[in-house]
Amino acid sequence: MASHLNDDPTKEEGGDSVETAMTFRYKIVASGVFNHIIIFATKYFSSVFDKILDRPASTASDSGKSSADSAEEDGAETKEKTQKRWILSKAARWPRLRPVVKVFLGDLLHLLNQLSEPKMQSFILQQTQKLYPYVGVFSTFRKKFLKVRIQYFGNTFNTMT
């Protein structure tokens, strides 16, 4: 829940301030520490998830490639025929890891919607490419991540012109 750094623990409902059940084990006060934690989490959590689920390194590294890169590799079909396609939902540990991934992706979306620094948004959006196999499992997250990416690139385009 590190993405809730500046969130107010009170929520207004009908004009009244009501305490919510948000309790945190750790409190991060310095924004520099918060940034380092976010950078670490977005950079390495996809690798952690891959390792826990025993995802083969070849499929894990392919998730960040562009379609042009994959088109060049289509000629090497002998490798693809010998390797079986890895399916996330069939991983033995997926049922236990699914709730953790869902919370992580939800917090990442919350963070992306709260960020105002374009450099940090850009970094996080680049790092989320590694998480696309996990985002694809949750239909609501697919739509929300797509919406955030479109908004980011739309805002970037508007500031450039």
N, C-alpha and C. Protein backbone atom coordinates (compact mmCIF):
# COMPACT_ATOMS: atom_id res chain seq x y z
N MET A 1 0.81 -1.19 0.00
CA MET A 1 0.00 0.00 0.00
C MET A 1 0.86 1.26 0.00
N ALA A 2 2.08 1.15 -0.45
CA ALA A 2 2.98 2.31 -0.46
C ALA A 2 2.47 3.41 -1.38
N SER A 3 1.59 3.08 -2.29
CA SER A 3 1.11 4.10 -3.22
C SER A 3 0.13 5.06 -2.58
N HIS A 4 -0.21 4.85 -1.34
CA HIS A 4 -1.16 5.72 -0.65
C HIS A 4 -0.44 6.72 0.27
N LEU A 5 0.69 7.24 -0.18
CA LEU A 5 1.51 8.13 0.63
C LEU A 5 0.77 9.35 1.12
N ASN A 6 0.16 10.10 0.23
CA ASN A 6 -0.48 11.36 0.61
C ASN A 6 -1.98 11.26 0.73
N ASP A 7 -2.52 10.06 0.73
CA ASP A 7 -3.97 9.93 0.85
C ASP A 7 -4.42 10.29 2.25
N ASP A 8 -5.56 10.93 2.30
CA ASP A 8 -6.14 11.30 3.57
C ASP A 8 -6.85 10.08 4.15
N PRO A 9 -6.56 9.70 5.39
CA PRO A 9 -7.22 8.53 5.96
C PRO A 9 -8.68 8.75 6.29
N THR A 10 -9.18 9.95 6.09
CA THR A 10 -10.61 10.20 6.30
C THR A 10 -11.28 10.36 4.95
N LYS A 11 -12.49 9.95 4.88
CA LYS A 11 -13.23 10.03 3.63
C LYS A 11 -14.54 10.74 3.91
N GLU A 12 -14.88 11.67 3.03
CA GLU A 12 -16.12 12.41 3.24
C GLU A 12 -17.28 11.70 2.56
N GLU A 13 -18.30 11.44 3.33
CA GLU A 13 -19.53 10.85 2.79
C GLU A 13 -20.69 11.72 3.24
N GLY A 14 -21.34 12.33 2.27
CA GLY A 14 -22.49 13.16 2.58
C GLY A 14 -22.13 14.39 3.40
N GLY A 15 -20.90 14.91 3.22
CA GLY A 15 -20.50 16.11 3.92
C GLY A 15 -19.85 15.86 5.26
N ASP A 16 -19.99 14.67 5.82
CA ASP A 16 -19.39 14.36 7.11
C ASP A 16 -18.07 13.63 6.91
N SER A 17 -17.12 13.90 7.77
CA SER A 17 -15.83 13.23 7.71
C SER A 17 -15.93 11.92 8.49
N VAL A 18 -15.65 10.83 7.82
CA VAL A 18 -15.78 9.51 8.43
C VAL A 18 -14.42 8.82 8.38
N GLU A 19 -14.00 8.26 9.51
CA GLU A 19 -12.74 7.50 9.54
C GLU A 19 -12.92 6.20 8.76
N THR A 20 -11.95 5.89 7.92
CA THR A 20 -11.99 4.63 7.19
C THR A 20 -11.13 3.61 7.90
N ALA A 21 -11.16 2.40 7.43
CA ALA A 21 -10.42 1.32 8.05
C ALA A 21 -9.00 1.20 7.49
N MET A 22 -8.44 2.30 6.98
CA MET A 22 -7.09 2.26 6.42
C MET A 22 -6.07 2.33 7.55
N THR A 23 -5.43 1.23 7.82
CA THR A 23 -4.35 1.21 8.80
C THR A 23 -3.12 0.70 8.08
N PHE A 24 -1.99 1.34 8.36
CA PHE A 24 -0.76 1.00 7.68
C PHE A 24 0.26 0.52 8.69
N ARG A 25 1.03 -0.46 8.31
CA ARG A 25 2.06 -0.99 9.18
C ARG A 25 3.26 -0.04 9.21
N TYR A 26 3.57 0.57 8.06
CA TYR A 26 4.70 1.49 7.97
C TYR A 26 4.23 2.83 7.44
N LYS A 27 4.90 3.87 7.86
CA LYS A 27 4.56 5.20 7.39
C LYS A 27 5.80 5.81 6.75
N ILE A 28 5.67 6.22 5.50
CA ILE A 28 6.78 6.82 4.77
C ILE A 28 6.53 8.32 4.72
N VAL A 29 7.44 9.08 5.30
CA VAL A 29 7.25 10.51 5.39
C VAL A 29 8.03 11.23 4.29
N ALA A 30 9.24 10.77 3.99
CA ALA A 30 10.10 11.44 3.01
C ALA A 30 9.73 11.02 1.59
N SER A 31 9.56 12.00 0.71
CA SER A 31 9.18 11.69 -0.67
C SER A 31 10.31 10.99 -1.42
N GLY A 32 11.56 11.24 -1.06
CA GLY A 32 12.68 10.56 -1.71
C GLY A 32 12.66 9.06 -1.44
N VAL A 33 12.36 8.69 -0.21
CA VAL A 33 12.26 7.27 0.16
C VAL A 33 11.08 6.64 -0.58
N PHE A 34 9.98 7.36 -0.62
CA PHE A 34 8.79 6.88 -1.33
C PHE A 34 9.13 6.61 -2.80
N ASN A 35 9.82 7.55 -3.45
CA ASN A 35 10.19 7.38 -4.86
C ASN A 35 11.08 6.17 -5.06
N HIS A 36 12.05 5.96 -4.16
CA HIS A 36 12.93 4.80 -4.29
C HIS A 36 12.16 3.48 -4.14
N ILE A 37 11.22 3.45 -3.23
CA ILE A 37 10.41 2.23 -3.04
C ILE A 37 9.56 1.96 -4.28
N ILE A 38 8.96 3.00 -4.83
CA ILE A 38 8.12 2.84 -6.02
C ILE A 38 8.97 2.39 -7.21
N ILE A 39 10.14 2.99 -7.37
CA ILE A 39 11.04 2.59 -8.46
C ILE A 39 11.44 1.13 -8.30
N PHE A 40 11.81 0.73 -7.10
CA PHE A 40 12.19 -0.65 -6.85
C PHE A 40 11.03 -1.61 -7.15
N ALA A 41 9.86 -1.28 -6.65
CA ALA A 41 8.70 -2.16 -6.83
C ALA A 41 8.33 -2.31 -8.30
N THR A 42 8.28 -1.20 -9.02
CA THR A 42 7.87 -1.28 -10.43
C THR A 42 8.95 -1.93 -11.29
N LYS A 43 10.19 -1.81 -10.88
CA LYS A 43 11.29 -2.36 -11.67
C LYS A 43 11.45 -3.87 -11.47
N TYR A 44 11.24 -4.36 -10.26
CA TYR A 44 11.59 -5.74 -9.95
C TYR A 44 10.42 -6.67 -9.64
N PHE A 45 9.23 -6.17 -9.38
CA PHE A 45 8.15 -7.07 -8.98
C PHE A 45 7.73 -8.03 -10.09
N SER A 46 7.82 -7.61 -11.34
CA SER A 46 7.48 -8.54 -12.42
C SER A 46 8.43 -9.72 -12.41
N SER A 47 9.71 -9.48 -12.14
CA SER A 47 10.69 -10.57 -12.06
C SER A 47 10.42 -11.46 -10.85
N VAL A 48 9.98 -10.86 -9.76
CA VAL A 48 9.64 -11.64 -8.57
C VAL A 48 8.44 -12.54 -8.86
N PHE A 49 7.41 -11.98 -9.49
CA PHE A 49 6.24 -12.78 -9.84
C PHE A 49 6.64 -13.92 -10.79
N ASP A 50 7.48 -13.61 -11.78
CA ASP A 50 7.93 -14.63 -12.73
C ASP A 50 8.66 -15.76 -12.02
N LYS A 51 9.52 -15.41 -11.08
CA LYS A 51 10.30 -16.40 -10.35
C LYS A 51 9.39 -17.28 -9.48
N ILE A 52 8.45 -16.66 -8.80
CA ILE A 52 7.54 -17.43 -7.94
C ILE A 52 6.71 -18.41 -8.76
N LEU A 53 6.32 -18.00 -9.96
CA LEU A 53 5.48 -18.84 -10.82
C LEU A 53 6.28 -19.76 -11.73
N ASP A 54 7.60 -19.77 -11.58
CA ASP A 54 8.48 -20.60 -12.42
C ASP A 54 8.28 -20.31 -13.90
N ARG A 55 8.14 -19.04 -14.23
CA ARG A 55 7.98 -18.66 -15.63
C ARG A 55 9.33 -18.78 -16.34
N PRO A 56 9.38 -19.48 -17.46
CA PRO A 56 10.65 -19.62 -18.18
C PRO A 56 11.20 -18.26 -18.59
N ALA A 57 12.52 -18.12 -18.53
CA ALA A 57 13.17 -16.84 -18.83
C ALA A 57 12.89 -16.39 -20.25
N SER A 58 12.77 -17.30 -21.20
CA SER A 58 12.54 -16.90 -22.59
C SER A 58 11.19 -16.23 -22.77
N THR A 59 10.15 -16.71 -22.10
CA THR A 59 8.84 -16.08 -22.23
C THR A 59 8.76 -14.81 -21.40
N ALA A 60 9.47 -14.76 -20.29
CA ALA A 60 9.46 -13.55 -19.46
C ALA A 60 10.13 -12.40 -20.19
N SER A 61 11.20 -12.67 -20.90
CA SER A 61 11.89 -11.60 -21.61
C SER A 61 11.15 -11.20 -22.88
N ASP A 62 10.34 -12.07 -23.45
CA ASP A 62 9.60 -11.77 -24.67
C ASP A 62 8.44 -10.82 -24.43
N SER A 63 7.95 -10.69 -23.18
CA SER A 63 6.76 -9.89 -22.93
C SER A 63 6.99 -8.40 -23.17
N GLY A 64 8.23 -7.93 -23.14
CA GLY A 64 8.49 -6.53 -23.35
C GLY A 64 8.91 -6.19 -24.76
N LYS A 65 8.90 -7.17 -25.67
CA LYS A 65 9.35 -6.92 -27.04
C LYS A 65 8.25 -6.33 -27.90
N SER A 66 8.66 -5.59 -28.90
CA SER A 66 7.69 -5.00 -29.82
C SER A 66 7.28 -6.02 -30.86
N SER A 67 6.26 -5.68 -31.63
CA SER A 67 5.79 -6.60 -32.66
C SER A 67 6.82 -6.73 -33.77
N ALA A 68 7.63 -5.70 -34.01
CA ALA A 68 8.69 -5.79 -35.03
C ALA A 68 9.74 -6.80 -34.61
N ASP A 69 10.09 -6.81 -33.32
CA ASP A 69 11.06 -7.78 -32.83
C ASP A 69 10.52 -9.20 -32.96
N SER A 70 9.25 -9.37 -32.63
CA SER A 70 8.68 -10.71 -32.71
C SER A 70 8.51 -11.16 -34.15
N ALA A 71 8.30 -10.23 -35.09
CA ALA A 71 8.18 -10.59 -36.50
C ALA A 71 9.50 -11.12 -37.03
N GLU A 72 10.62 -10.57 -36.56
CA GLU A 72 11.92 -11.06 -36.98
C GLU A 72 12.17 -12.47 -36.48
N GLU A 73 11.63 -12.79 -35.32
CA GLU A 73 11.86 -14.10 -34.73
C GLU A 73 10.91 -15.16 -35.26
N ASP A 74 9.91 -14.76 -36.04
CA ASP A 74 8.98 -15.75 -36.57
C ASP A 74 9.67 -16.74 -37.50
N GLY A 75 10.77 -16.33 -38.10
CA GLY A 75 11.52 -17.22 -38.97
C GLY A 75 12.14 -18.37 -38.21
N ALA A 76 12.41 -18.17 -36.95
CA ALA A 76 13.02 -19.21 -36.13
C ALA A 76 11.94 -20.02 -35.43
N GLU A 77 11.10 -20.66 -36.21
CA GLU A 77 9.98 -21.41 -35.65
C GLU A 77 10.41 -22.72 -35.02
N THR A 78 11.59 -23.18 -35.35
CA THR A 78 12.03 -24.44 -34.76
C THR A 78 12.18 -24.30 -33.26
N LYS A 79 12.65 -23.15 -32.78
CA LYS A 79 12.75 -22.92 -31.34
C LYS A 79 11.37 -22.89 -30.71
N GLU A 80 10.45 -22.19 -31.37
CA GLU A 80 9.10 -22.06 -30.82
C GLU A 80 8.38 -23.40 -30.76
N LYS A 81 8.62 -24.26 -31.74
CA LYS A 81 7.95 -25.55 -31.74
C LYS A 81 8.46 -26.44 -30.62
N THR A 82 9.74 -26.29 -30.29
CA THR A 82 10.29 -27.12 -29.22
C THR A 82 9.92 -26.59 -27.85
N GLN A 83 9.69 -25.29 -27.73
CA GLN A 83 9.29 -24.71 -26.45
C GLN A 83 7.77 -24.66 -26.36
N LYS A 84 7.27 -25.06 -25.22
CA LYS A 84 5.83 -24.96 -25.01
C LYS A 84 5.50 -23.56 -24.56
N ARG A 85 4.33 -23.08 -24.96
CA ARG A 85 3.89 -21.76 -24.56
C ARG A 85 3.49 -21.79 -23.09
N TRP A 86 3.99 -20.83 -22.33
CA TRP A 86 3.71 -20.75 -20.90
C TRP A 86 2.39 -20.03 -20.70
N ILE A 87 1.48 -20.63 -19.93
CA ILE A 87 0.16 -20.05 -19.68
C ILE A 87 0.05 -19.75 -18.19
N LEU A 88 -0.20 -18.48 -17.90
CA LEU A 88 -0.23 -18.01 -16.52
C LEU A 88 -1.27 -18.75 -15.67
N SER A 89 -2.45 -18.90 -16.18
CA SER A 89 -3.53 -19.51 -15.39
C SER A 89 -3.27 -20.97 -15.06
N LYS A 90 -2.35 -21.60 -15.76
CA LYS A 90 -2.04 -23.02 -15.50
C LYS A 90 -0.83 -23.19 -14.59
N ALA A 91 -0.23 -22.08 -14.16
CA ALA A 91 0.90 -22.16 -13.23
C ALA A 91 0.40 -22.67 -11.89
N ALA A 92 1.16 -23.56 -11.28
CA ALA A 92 0.72 -24.21 -10.04
C ALA A 92 0.50 -23.22 -8.90
N ARG A 93 1.32 -22.20 -8.82
CA ARG A 93 1.22 -21.25 -7.71
C ARG A 93 0.34 -20.03 -8.01
N TRP A 94 -0.24 -19.97 -9.20
CA TRP A 94 -1.04 -18.80 -9.57
C TRP A 94 -2.23 -18.56 -8.65
N PRO A 95 -2.99 -19.57 -8.26
CA PRO A 95 -4.14 -19.29 -7.38
C PRO A 95 -3.75 -18.59 -6.06
N ARG A 96 -2.56 -18.90 -5.55
CA ARG A 96 -2.12 -18.27 -4.30
C ARG A 96 -1.54 -16.88 -4.53
N LEU A 97 -0.94 -16.66 -5.73
CA LEU A 97 -0.31 -15.38 -6.02
C LEU A 97 -1.30 -14.37 -6.63
N ARG A 98 -2.39 -14.87 -7.16
CA ARG A 98 -3.36 -14.00 -7.85
C ARG A 98 -3.82 -12.82 -7.00
N PRO A 99 -4.21 -13.01 -5.72
CA PRO A 99 -4.65 -11.86 -4.93
C PRO A 99 -3.53 -10.83 -4.69
N VAL A 100 -2.30 -11.31 -4.56
CA VAL A 100 -1.17 -10.40 -4.36
C VAL A 100 -0.95 -9.55 -5.61
N VAL A 101 -1.00 -10.20 -6.77
CA VAL A 101 -0.83 -9.49 -8.04
C VAL A 101 -1.96 -8.49 -8.23
N LYS A 102 -3.17 -8.88 -7.87
CA LYS A 102 -4.32 -8.00 -8.03
C LYS A 102 -4.18 -6.75 -7.16
N VAL A 103 -3.74 -6.90 -5.93
CA VAL A 103 -3.55 -5.76 -5.04
C VAL A 103 -2.42 -4.88 -5.58
N PHE A 104 -1.32 -5.49 -6.01
CA PHE A 104 -0.20 -4.73 -6.55
C PHE A 104 -0.62 -3.91 -7.76
N LEU A 105 -1.34 -4.53 -8.69
CA LEU A 105 -1.79 -3.81 -9.89
C LEU A 105 -2.78 -2.70 -9.54
N GLY A 106 -3.67 -2.96 -8.59
CA GLY A 106 -4.62 -1.94 -8.15
C GLY A 106 -3.91 -0.74 -7.54
N ASP A 107 -2.90 -1.01 -6.70
CA ASP A 107 -2.13 0.09 -6.11
C ASP A 107 -1.32 0.83 -7.16
N LEU A 108 -0.81 0.11 -8.13
CA LEU A 108 -0.05 0.74 -9.21
C LEU A 108 -0.95 1.66 -10.04
N LEU A 109 -2.17 1.23 -10.31
CA LEU A 109 -3.13 2.08 -11.01
C LEU A 109 -3.48 3.32 -10.18
N HIS A 110 -3.68 3.11 -8.90
CA HIS A 110 -3.98 4.24 -8.01
C HIS A 110 -2.83 5.25 -8.05
N LEU A 111 -1.61 4.74 -7.99
CA LEU A 111 -0.44 5.60 -8.03
C LEU A 111 -0.36 6.36 -9.35
N LEU A 112 -0.57 5.67 -10.46
CA LEU A 112 -0.51 6.33 -11.77
C LEU A 112 -1.55 7.45 -11.89
N ASN A 113 -2.70 7.25 -11.32
CA ASN A 113 -3.74 8.28 -11.36
C ASN A 113 -3.42 9.47 -10.46
N GLN A 114 -2.58 9.26 -9.44
CA GLN A 114 -2.25 10.32 -8.50
C GLN A 114 -0.99 11.10 -8.88
N LEU A 115 -0.13 10.49 -9.71
CA LEU A 115 1.15 11.12 -10.04
C LEU A 115 0.98 12.38 -10.87
N SER A 116 1.83 13.35 -10.59
CA SER A 116 1.81 14.57 -11.38
C SER A 116 3.14 14.81 -12.09
N GLU A 117 4.18 14.05 -11.72
CA GLU A 117 5.49 14.19 -12.35
C GLU A 117 5.53 13.37 -13.64
N PRO A 118 5.72 14.02 -14.80
CA PRO A 118 5.75 13.29 -16.06
C PRO A 118 6.87 12.25 -16.15
N LYS A 119 8.04 12.55 -15.57
CA LYS A 119 9.16 11.60 -15.63
C LYS A 119 8.84 10.32 -14.87
N MET A 120 8.23 10.47 -13.70
CA MET A 120 7.86 9.30 -12.90
C MET A 120 6.75 8.51 -13.59
N GLN A 121 5.77 9.20 -14.17
CA GLN A 121 4.72 8.51 -14.92
C GLN A 121 5.32 7.72 -16.07
N SER A 122 6.21 8.33 -16.79
CA SER A 122 6.85 7.67 -17.93
C SER A 122 7.61 6.43 -17.49
N PHE A 123 8.37 6.54 -16.41
CA PHE A 123 9.14 5.40 -15.90
C PHE A 123 8.21 4.26 -15.51
N ILE A 124 7.17 4.57 -14.77
CA ILE A 124 6.26 3.52 -14.31
C ILE A 124 5.53 2.88 -15.49
N LEU A 125 5.12 3.66 -16.47
CA LEU A 125 4.44 3.10 -17.63
C LEU A 125 5.39 2.21 -18.44
N GLN A 126 6.66 2.57 -18.51
CA GLN A 126 7.63 1.71 -19.20
C GLN A 126 7.81 0.40 -18.45
N GLN A 127 7.86 0.47 -17.14
CA GLN A 127 8.06 -0.74 -16.34
C GLN A 127 6.83 -1.64 -16.33
N THR A 128 5.65 -1.07 -16.51
CA THR A 128 4.44 -1.90 -16.50
C THR A 128 4.34 -2.80 -17.73
N GLN A 129 5.14 -2.53 -18.76
CA GLN A 129 5.13 -3.42 -19.93
C GLN A 129 5.48 -4.84 -19.52
N LYS A 130 6.35 -4.99 -18.54
CA LYS A 130 6.72 -6.33 -18.06
C LYS A 130 5.56 -7.01 -17.33
N LEU A 131 4.62 -6.21 -16.87
CA LEU A 131 3.49 -6.75 -16.11
C LEU A 131 2.28 -7.08 -16.97
N TYR A 132 2.35 -6.84 -18.27
CA TYR A 132 1.19 -7.06 -19.14
C TYR A 132 0.62 -8.47 -19.08
N PRO A 133 1.44 -9.52 -18.97
CA PRO A 133 0.83 -10.85 -18.84
C PRO A 133 -0.06 -10.96 -17.60
N TYR A 134 0.28 -10.23 -16.55
CA TYR A 134 -0.52 -10.26 -15.32
C TYR A 134 -1.72 -9.33 -15.43
N VAL A 135 -1.54 -8.20 -16.09
CA VAL A 135 -2.65 -7.26 -16.30
C VAL A 135 -3.73 -7.91 -17.16
N GLY A 136 -3.30 -8.71 -18.15
CA GLY A 136 -4.23 -9.34 -19.07
C GLY A 136 -5.21 -10.30 -18.41
N VAL A 137 -4.86 -10.80 -17.25
CA VAL A 137 -5.73 -11.75 -16.55
C VAL A 137 -6.97 -11.05 -15.98
N PHE A 138 -6.81 -9.79 -15.60
CA PHE A 138 -7.89 -9.04 -14.96
C PHE A 138 -8.49 -8.07 -15.98
N SER A 139 -9.70 -8.31 -16.41
CA SER A 139 -10.31 -7.49 -17.47
C SER A 139 -10.47 -6.03 -17.05
N THR A 140 -10.79 -5.78 -15.79
CA THR A 140 -10.94 -4.39 -15.36
C THR A 140 -9.60 -3.65 -15.39
N PHE A 141 -8.54 -4.34 -15.02
CA PHE A 141 -7.22 -3.71 -15.05
C PHE A 141 -6.75 -3.47 -16.48
N ARG A 142 -7.10 -4.39 -17.39
CA ARG A 142 -6.73 -4.18 -18.80
C ARG A 142 -7.29 -2.86 -19.30
N LYS A 143 -8.56 -2.64 -19.03
CA LYS A 143 -9.22 -1.42 -19.48
C LYS A 143 -8.64 -0.19 -18.80
N LYS A 144 -8.39 -0.28 -17.51
CA LYS A 144 -7.89 0.87 -16.77
C LYS A 144 -6.45 1.21 -17.15
N PHE A 145 -5.61 0.20 -17.34
CA PHE A 145 -4.23 0.47 -17.76
C PHE A 145 -4.21 1.09 -19.15
N LEU A 146 -5.06 0.59 -20.02
CA LEU A 146 -5.14 1.16 -21.37
C LEU A 146 -5.58 2.62 -21.30
N LYS A 147 -6.56 2.90 -20.47
CA LYS A 147 -7.05 4.27 -20.31
C LYS A 147 -5.95 5.19 -19.78
N VAL A 148 -5.19 4.74 -18.79
CA VAL A 148 -4.11 5.55 -18.22
C VAL A 148 -3.03 5.80 -19.27
N ARG A 149 -2.69 4.78 -20.05
CA ARG A 149 -1.66 4.95 -21.09
C ARG A 149 -2.12 5.94 -22.15
N ILE A 150 -3.37 5.84 -22.55
CA ILE A 150 -3.90 6.77 -23.56
C ILE A 150 -3.92 8.19 -23.01
N GLN A 151 -4.34 8.36 -21.77
CA GLN A 151 -4.34 9.68 -21.16
C GLN A 151 -2.92 10.25 -21.07
N TYR A 152 -1.97 9.41 -20.68
CA TYR A 152 -0.59 9.88 -20.56
C TYR A 152 -0.04 10.32 -21.90
N PHE A 153 -0.22 9.50 -22.94
CA PHE A 153 0.31 9.86 -24.24
C PHE A 153 -0.46 11.03 -24.85
N GLY A 154 -1.73 11.15 -24.54
CA GLY A 154 -2.50 12.30 -24.99
C GLY A 154 -2.00 13.59 -24.33
N ASN A 155 -1.72 13.51 -23.03
CA ASN A 155 -1.18 14.68 -22.33
C ASN A 155 0.21 15.03 -22.81
N THR A 156 1.03 14.03 -23.08
CA THR A 156 2.38 14.25 -23.59
C THR A 156 2.33 14.90 -24.95
N PHE A 157 1.42 14.44 -25.79
CA PHE A 157 1.27 15.01 -27.13
C PHE A 157 0.81 16.46 -27.06
N ASN A 158 -0.13 16.75 -26.16
CA ASN A 158 -0.63 18.12 -26.00
C ASN A 158 0.44 19.08 -25.50
N THR A 159 1.32 18.63 -24.63
CA THR A 159 2.38 19.50 -24.11
C THR A 159 3.48 19.73 -25.15
N MET A 160 3.63 18.81 -26.09
CA MET A 160 4.65 18.95 -27.13
C MET A 160 4.22 19.93 -28.21
N THR A 161 2.92 20.04 -28.46
CA THR A 161 2.44 20.92 -29.52
C THR A 161 2.17 22.31 -29.04
